[in-house]
Amino acid sequence: MKNKRFKTIALLAVLACCALPVSADQPNERPNERPNEKAIAWADLPADARSALAPIAERWDKMKPRQQHRLLRKVGNKKFKQNADRWNKLSPEERERIKQSRGRFKELPAEKRKALRQKWDSMSDAERRDASKARRALSHYPPKQRHRLLEELQHLPPEQRRAKLEQLRKAGPKNKK
């Protein structure tokens, strides 16, 4: 009886070992992926989707079908529409500045990006608004000077920080070299 159990267990172990290479060859499908998704031509998109996705029109045909379908599903989202409208209202200079900022963020090491995201997520709404105001007030400064000023502002108490920001905002681009 004991011998028979041992043989059964040994046989199952051998079969399991043989099955491992076979399962390793299978594609690892994620549960939320749709393997049947086909690429969508830009011209085949509905007009409202084309207008909402206009900022990425030149990249659309290079995207993976999965990305295209994900974005197409988001087009109906109210927040997505608001963000798309806000993007469309930006001047070309503002759009370029945002693209450069995103590029600099992507160039940061993964740990630094993660730390910045965590810091942003841990901020209150008021702190986020203050940070956004600071970035806008300092947007015309060269990056190195802007970062130095932001670090200085971080160490000030909130009232002094707001006063300094207002002073910098009023000073305007004339002194910014």
C-alpha atoms as a PDB file:
ATOM      1  CA  MET A   1       0.000   0.000   0.000  1.00  0.00           C
ATOM      2  CA  LYS A   2       2.792   2.368   0.998  1.00  0.00           C
ATOM      3  CA  ASN A   3       4.738   1.426  -2.124  1.00  0.00           C
ATOM      4  CA  LYS A   4       1.733   2.125  -4.340  1.00  0.00           C
ATOM      5  CA  ARG A   5       1.284   5.637  -2.829  1.00  0.00           C
ATOM      6  CA  PHE A   6       4.964   6.353  -3.333  1.00  0.00           C
ATOM      7  CA  LYS A   7       4.748   5.330  -7.011  1.00  0.00           C
ATOM      8  CA  THR A   8       1.648   7.513  -7.500  1.00  0.00           C
ATOM      9  CA  ILE A   9       3.319  10.545  -5.915  1.00  0.00           C
ATOM     10  CA  ALA A  10       6.499   9.971  -7.940  1.00  0.00           C
ATOM     11  CA  LEU A  11       4.467   9.702 -11.156  1.00  0.00           C
ATOM     12  CA  LEU A  12       2.587  12.937 -10.363  1.00  0.00           C
ATOM     13  CA  ALA A  13       5.880  14.711  -9.623  1.00  0.00           C
ATOM     14  CA  VAL A  14       7.336  13.580 -12.974  1.00  0.00           C
ATOM     15  CA  LEU A  15       4.199  14.709 -14.817  1.00  0.00           C
ATOM     16  CA  ALA A  16       4.299  18.081 -13.062  1.00  0.00           C
ATOM     17  CA  CYS A  17       7.941  18.545 -14.044  1.00  0.00           C
ATOM     18  CA  CYS A  18       7.115  17.699 -17.661  1.00  0.00           C
ATOM     19  CA  ALA A  19       4.225  20.171 -17.666  1.00  0.00           C
ATOM     20  CA  LEU A  20       6.335  23.117 -16.461  1.00  0.00           C
ATOM     21  CA  PRO A  21       8.132  23.745 -19.775  1.00  0.00           C
ATOM     22  CA  VAL A  22       4.804  23.509 -21.610  1.00  0.00           C
ATOM     23  CA  SER A  23       3.125  26.053 -19.337  1.00  0.00           C
ATOM     24  CA  ALA A  24       6.150  28.364 -19.589  1.00  0.00           C
ATOM     25  CA  ASP A  25       5.665  28.510 -23.369  1.00  0.00           C
ATOM     26  CA  GLN A  26       2.067  29.736 -22.998  1.00  0.00           C
ATOM     27  CA  PRO A  27       1.548  33.520 -23.209  1.00  0.00           C
ATOM     28  CA  ASN A  28       0.798  35.092 -19.869  1.00  0.00           C
ATOM     29  CA  GLU A  29      -2.583  36.709 -20.482  1.00  0.00           C
ATOM     30  CA  ARG A  30      -3.776  39.322 -18.049  1.00  0.00           C
ATOM     31  CA  PRO A  31      -7.402  39.017 -16.994  1.00  0.00           C
ATOM     32  CA  ASN A  32      -8.304  42.525 -18.193  1.00  0.00           C
ATOM     33  CA  GLU A  33      -6.657  42.146 -21.604  1.00  0.00           C
ATOM     34  CA  ARG A  34      -8.757  41.489 -24.629  1.00  0.00           C
ATOM     35  CA  PRO A  35      -6.719  39.348 -27.046  1.00  0.00           C
ATOM     36  CA  ASN A  36      -9.164  39.919 -29.916  1.00  0.00           C
ATOM     37  CA  GLU A  37      -8.662  43.680 -30.038  1.00  0.00           C
ATOM     38  CA  LYS A  38      -7.622  44.889 -33.452  1.00  0.00           C
ATOM     39  CA  ALA A  39      -5.936  48.161 -34.305  1.00  0.00           C
ATOM     40  CA  ILE A  40      -8.293  51.007 -35.179  1.00  0.00           C
ATOM     41  CA  ALA A  41      -7.438  53.407 -37.980  1.00  0.00           C
ATOM     42  CA  TRP A  42      -7.622  57.088 -37.025  1.00  0.00           C
ATOM     43  CA  ALA A  43     -10.083  57.749 -39.867  1.00  0.00           C
ATOM     44  CA  ASP A  44     -12.436  55.053 -38.497  1.00  0.00           C
ATOM     45  CA  LEU A  45     -12.853  56.802 -35.142  1.00  0.00           C
ATOM     46  CA  PRO A  46     -16.076  58.726 -34.478  1.00  0.00           C
ATOM     47  CA  ALA A  47     -15.730  62.494 -34.866  1.00  0.00           C
ATOM     48  CA  ASP A  48     -16.141  63.194 -31.134  1.00  0.00           C
ATOM     49  CA  ALA A  49     -13.431  60.662 -30.302  1.00  0.00           C
ATOM     50  CA  ARG A  50     -11.073  62.199 -32.894  1.00  0.00           C
ATOM     51  CA  SER A  51     -11.568  65.662 -31.399  1.00  0.00           C
ATOM     52  CA  ALA A  52     -10.998  64.400 -27.841  1.00  0.00           C
ATOM     53  CA  LEU A  53      -7.936  62.387 -28.871  1.00  0.00           C
ATOM     54  CA  ALA A  54      -6.550  65.074 -31.211  1.00  0.00           C
ATOM     55  CA  PRO A  55      -3.401  65.680 -29.092  1.00  0.00           C
ATOM     56  CA  ILE A  56      -2.263  62.112 -29.786  1.00  0.00           C
ATOM     57  CA  ALA A  57      -3.393  61.912 -33.421  1.00  0.00           C
ATOM     58  CA  GLU A  58       0.147  61.638 -34.805  1.00  0.00           C
ATOM     59  CA  ARG A  59       0.935  58.740 -32.443  1.00  0.00           C
ATOM     60  CA  TRP A  60      -2.386  56.889 -32.813  1.00  0.00           C
ATOM     61  CA  ASP A  61      -1.341  54.507 -35.598  1.00  0.00           C
ATOM     62  CA  LYS A  62       1.857  53.576 -33.739  1.00  0.00           C
ATOM     63  CA  MET A  63      -0.018  52.568 -30.563  1.00  0.00           C
ATOM     64  CA  LYS A  64      -0.759  49.004 -29.605  1.00  0.00           C
ATOM     65  CA  PRO A  65      -4.395  47.993 -30.173  1.00  0.00           C
ATOM     66  CA  ARG A  66      -4.796  47.508 -26.411  1.00  0.00           C
ATOM     67  CA  GLN A  67      -3.821  51.152 -25.806  1.00  0.00           C
ATOM     68  CA  GLN A  68      -6.126  52.375 -28.562  1.00  0.00           C
ATOM     69  CA  HIS A  69      -9.117  50.530 -27.133  1.00  0.00           C
ATOM     70  CA  ARG A  70      -8.346  51.702 -23.592  1.00  0.00           C
ATOM     71  CA  LEU A  71      -8.241  55.335 -24.727  1.00  0.00           C
ATOM     72  CA  LEU A  72     -11.379  54.913 -26.801  1.00  0.00           C
ATOM     73  CA  ARG A  73     -13.215  53.593 -23.743  1.00  0.00           C
ATOM     74  CA  LYS A  74     -12.047  56.627 -21.749  1.00  0.00           C
ATOM     75  CA  VAL A  75     -13.330  59.142 -24.310  1.00  0.00           C
ATOM     76  CA  GLY A  76     -16.832  58.914 -22.812  1.00  0.00           C
ATOM     77  CA  ASN A  77     -15.493  59.694 -19.324  1.00  0.00           C
ATOM     78  CA  LYS A  78     -16.453  63.196 -18.112  1.00  0.00           C
ATOM     79  CA  LYS A  79     -13.053  63.866 -16.507  1.00  0.00           C
ATOM     80  CA  PHE A  80     -11.262  62.760 -19.680  1.00  0.00           C
ATOM     81  CA  LYS A  81     -13.346  65.240 -21.703  1.00  0.00           C
ATOM     82  CA  GLN A  82     -12.593  68.042 -19.248  1.00  0.00           C
ATOM     83  CA  ASN A  83      -8.866  67.327 -19.434  1.00  0.00           C
ATOM     84  CA  ALA A  84      -8.979  67.141 -23.240  1.00  0.00           C
ATOM     85  CA  ASP A  85     -10.826  70.474 -23.395  1.00  0.00           C
ATOM     86  CA  ARG A  86      -8.312  72.026 -21.010  1.00  0.00           C
ATOM     87  CA  TRP A  87      -5.428  70.709 -23.163  1.00  0.00           C
ATOM     88  CA  ASN A  88      -7.022  72.113 -26.317  1.00  0.00           C
ATOM     89  CA  LYS A  89      -7.299  75.553 -24.683  1.00  0.00           C
ATOM     90  CA  LEU A  90      -3.576  75.659 -23.849  1.00  0.00           C
ATOM     91  CA  SER A  91      -1.258  77.709 -26.007  1.00  0.00           C
ATOM     92  CA  PRO A  92       1.357  75.830 -28.062  1.00  0.00           C
ATOM     93  CA  GLU A  93       4.045  77.152 -25.691  1.00  0.00           C
ATOM     94  CA  GLU A  94       2.219  75.803 -22.636  1.00  0.00           C
ATOM     95  CA  ARG A  95       1.737  72.437 -24.327  1.00  0.00           C
ATOM     96  CA  GLU A  96       5.422  72.265 -25.178  1.00  0.00           C
ATOM     97  CA  ARG A  97       6.382  73.172 -21.608  1.00  0.00           C
ATOM     98  CA  ILE A  98       4.162  70.381 -20.272  1.00  0.00           C
ATOM     99  CA  LYS A  99       5.624  67.876 -22.743  1.00  0.00           C
ATOM    100  CA  GLN A 100       9.147  68.842 -21.685  1.00  0.00           C
ATOM    101  CA  SER A 101       8.201  68.539 -18.025  1.00  0.00           C
ATOM    102  CA  ARG A 102       6.792  65.052 -18.621  1.00  0.00           C
ATOM    103  CA  GLY A 103       9.970  64.148 -20.467  1.00  0.00           C
ATOM    104  CA  ARG A 104      12.124  65.298 -17.551  1.00  0.00           C
ATOM    105  CA  PHE A 105       9.927  63.287 -15.177  1.00  0.00           C
ATOM    106  CA  LYS A 106      10.306  60.150 -17.322  1.00  0.00           C
ATOM    107  CA  GLU A 107      14.088  60.592 -17.321  1.00  0.00           C
ATOM    108  CA  LEU A 108      14.220  60.497 -13.510  1.00  0.00           C
ATOM    109  CA  PRO A 109      15.197  57.213 -11.864  1.00  0.00           C
ATOM    110  CA  ALA A 110      12.214  55.008 -10.981  1.00  0.00           C
ATOM    111  CA  GLU A 111      12.806  55.481  -7.245  1.00  0.00           C
ATOM    112  CA  LYS A 112      12.722  59.276  -7.557  1.00  0.00           C
ATOM    113  CA  ARG A 113       9.512  59.151  -9.655  1.00  0.00           C
ATOM    114  CA  LYS A 114       7.910  56.860  -7.091  1.00  0.00           C
ATOM    115  CA  ALA A 115       8.934  59.166  -4.233  1.00  0.00           C
ATOM    116  CA  LEU A 116       7.497  62.196  -6.031  1.00  0.00           C
ATOM    117  CA  ARG A 117       4.211  60.372  -6.721  1.00  0.00           C
ATOM    118  CA  GLN A 118       3.966  59.301  -3.081  1.00  0.00           C
ATOM    119  CA  LYS A 119       4.680  62.843  -1.928  1.00  0.00           C
ATOM    120  CA  TRP A 120       1.958  64.193  -4.234  1.00  0.00           C
ATOM    121  CA  ASP A 121      -0.526  61.523  -3.117  1.00  0.00           C
ATOM    122  CA  SER A 122       0.139  62.314   0.554  1.00  0.00           C
ATOM    123  CA  MET A 123      -0.590  66.035   0.098  1.00  0.00           C
ATOM    124  CA  SER A 124      -3.903  67.572   1.085  1.00  0.00           C
ATOM    125  CA  ASP A 125      -5.976  69.369  -1.563  1.00  0.00           C
ATOM    126  CA  ALA A 126      -4.847  72.733  -0.182  1.00  0.00           C
ATOM    127  CA  GLU A 127      -1.182  71.698  -0.394  1.00  0.00           C
ATOM    128  CA  ARG A 128      -1.692  70.512  -3.969  1.00  0.00           C
ATOM    129  CA  ARG A 129      -3.311  73.814  -4.924  1.00  0.00           C
ATOM    130  CA  ASP A 130      -0.412  75.721  -3.330  1.00  0.00           C
ATOM    131  CA  ALA A 131       2.112  73.543  -5.159  1.00  0.00           C
ATOM    132  CA  SER A 132       0.326  74.086  -8.478  1.00  0.00           C
ATOM    133  CA  LYS A 133       0.191  77.835  -7.886  1.00  0.00           C
ATOM    134  CA  ALA A 134       3.901  77.834  -7.097  1.00  0.00           C
ATOM    135  CA  ARG A 135       4.716  75.947 -10.288  1.00  0.00           C
ATOM    136  CA  ARG A 136       2.607  78.358 -12.351  1.00  0.00           C
ATOM    137  CA  ALA A 137       4.135  81.411 -10.650  1.00  0.00           C
ATOM    138  CA  LEU A 138       7.632  80.104 -11.351  1.00  0.00           C
ATOM    139  CA  SER A 139       6.966  78.617 -14.788  1.00  0.00           C
ATOM    140  CA  HIS A 140       8.879  81.364 -16.622  1.00  0.00           C
ATOM    141  CA  TYR A 141      12.065  80.806 -14.653  1.00  0.00           C
ATOM    142  CA  PRO A 142      14.764  78.543 -16.109  1.00  0.00           C
ATOM    143  CA  PRO A 143      14.523  74.986 -14.662  1.00  0.00           C
ATOM    144  CA  LYS A 144      17.582  75.223 -12.383  1.00  0.00           C
ATOM    145  CA  GLN A 145      16.515  78.538 -10.889  1.00  0.00           C
ATOM    146  CA  ARG A 146      12.909  77.327 -10.569  1.00  0.00           C
ATOM    147  CA  HIS A 147      14.010  74.211  -8.660  1.00  0.00           C
ATOM    148  CA  ARG A 148      16.204  76.293  -6.360  1.00  0.00           C
ATOM    149  CA  LEU A 149      13.322  78.681  -5.652  1.00  0.00           C
ATOM    150  CA  LEU A 150      10.909  75.802  -5.039  1.00  0.00           C
ATOM    151  CA  GLU A 151      13.303  74.268  -2.520  1.00  0.00           C
ATOM    152  CA  GLU A 152      13.617  77.610  -0.741  1.00  0.00           C
ATOM    153  CA  LEU A 153       9.828  77.979  -0.659  1.00  0.00           C
ATOM    154  CA  GLN A 154       9.395  74.480   0.777  1.00  0.00           C
ATOM    155  CA  HIS A 155      11.288  75.441   3.905  1.00  0.00           C
ATOM    156  CA  LEU A 156       9.232  78.562   4.610  1.00  0.00           C
ATOM    157  CA  PRO A 157       6.144  78.613   6.848  1.00  0.00           C
ATOM    158  CA  PRO A 158       2.885  78.728   4.806  1.00  0.00           C
ATOM    159  CA  GLU A 159       2.227  82.482   5.241  1.00  0.00           C
ATOM    160  CA  GLN A 160       5.776  83.466   4.289  1.00  0.00           C
ATOM    161  CA  ARG A 161       5.652  81.024   1.373  1.00  0.00           C
ATOM    162  CA  ARG A 162       2.464  82.605   0.016  1.00  0.00           C
ATOM    163  CA  ALA A 163       3.910  86.119   0.396  1.00  0.00           C
ATOM    164  CA  LYS A 164       7.157  85.123  -1.355  1.00  0.00           C
ATOM    165  CA  LEU A 165       5.214  83.438  -4.162  1.00  0.00           C
ATOM    166  CA  GLU A 166       3.082  86.536  -4.633  1.00  0.00           C
ATOM    167  CA  GLN A 167       6.242  88.641  -4.734  1.00  0.00           C
ATOM    168  CA  LEU A 168       7.806  86.343  -7.355  1.00  0.00           C
ATOM    169  CA  ARG A 169       4.594  86.289  -9.380  1.00  0.00           C
ATOM    170  CA  LYS A 170       4.359  90.096  -9.376  1.00  0.00           C
ATOM    171  CA  ALA A 171       8.041  90.418 -10.311  1.00  0.00           C
ATOM    172  CA  GLY A 172       7.103  88.765 -13.590  1.00  0.00           C
ATOM    173  CA  PRO A 173       9.385  87.550 -16.358  1.00  0.00           C
ATOM    174  CA  LYS A 174      11.382  90.812 -16.560  1.00  0.00           C
ATOM    175  CA  ASN A 175      13.944  89.721 -13.913  1.00  0.00           C
ATOM    176  CA  LYS A 176      14.093  86.097 -14.963  1.00  0.00           C
ATOM    177  CA  LYS A 177      17.320  85.205 -16.704  1.00  0.00           C
END
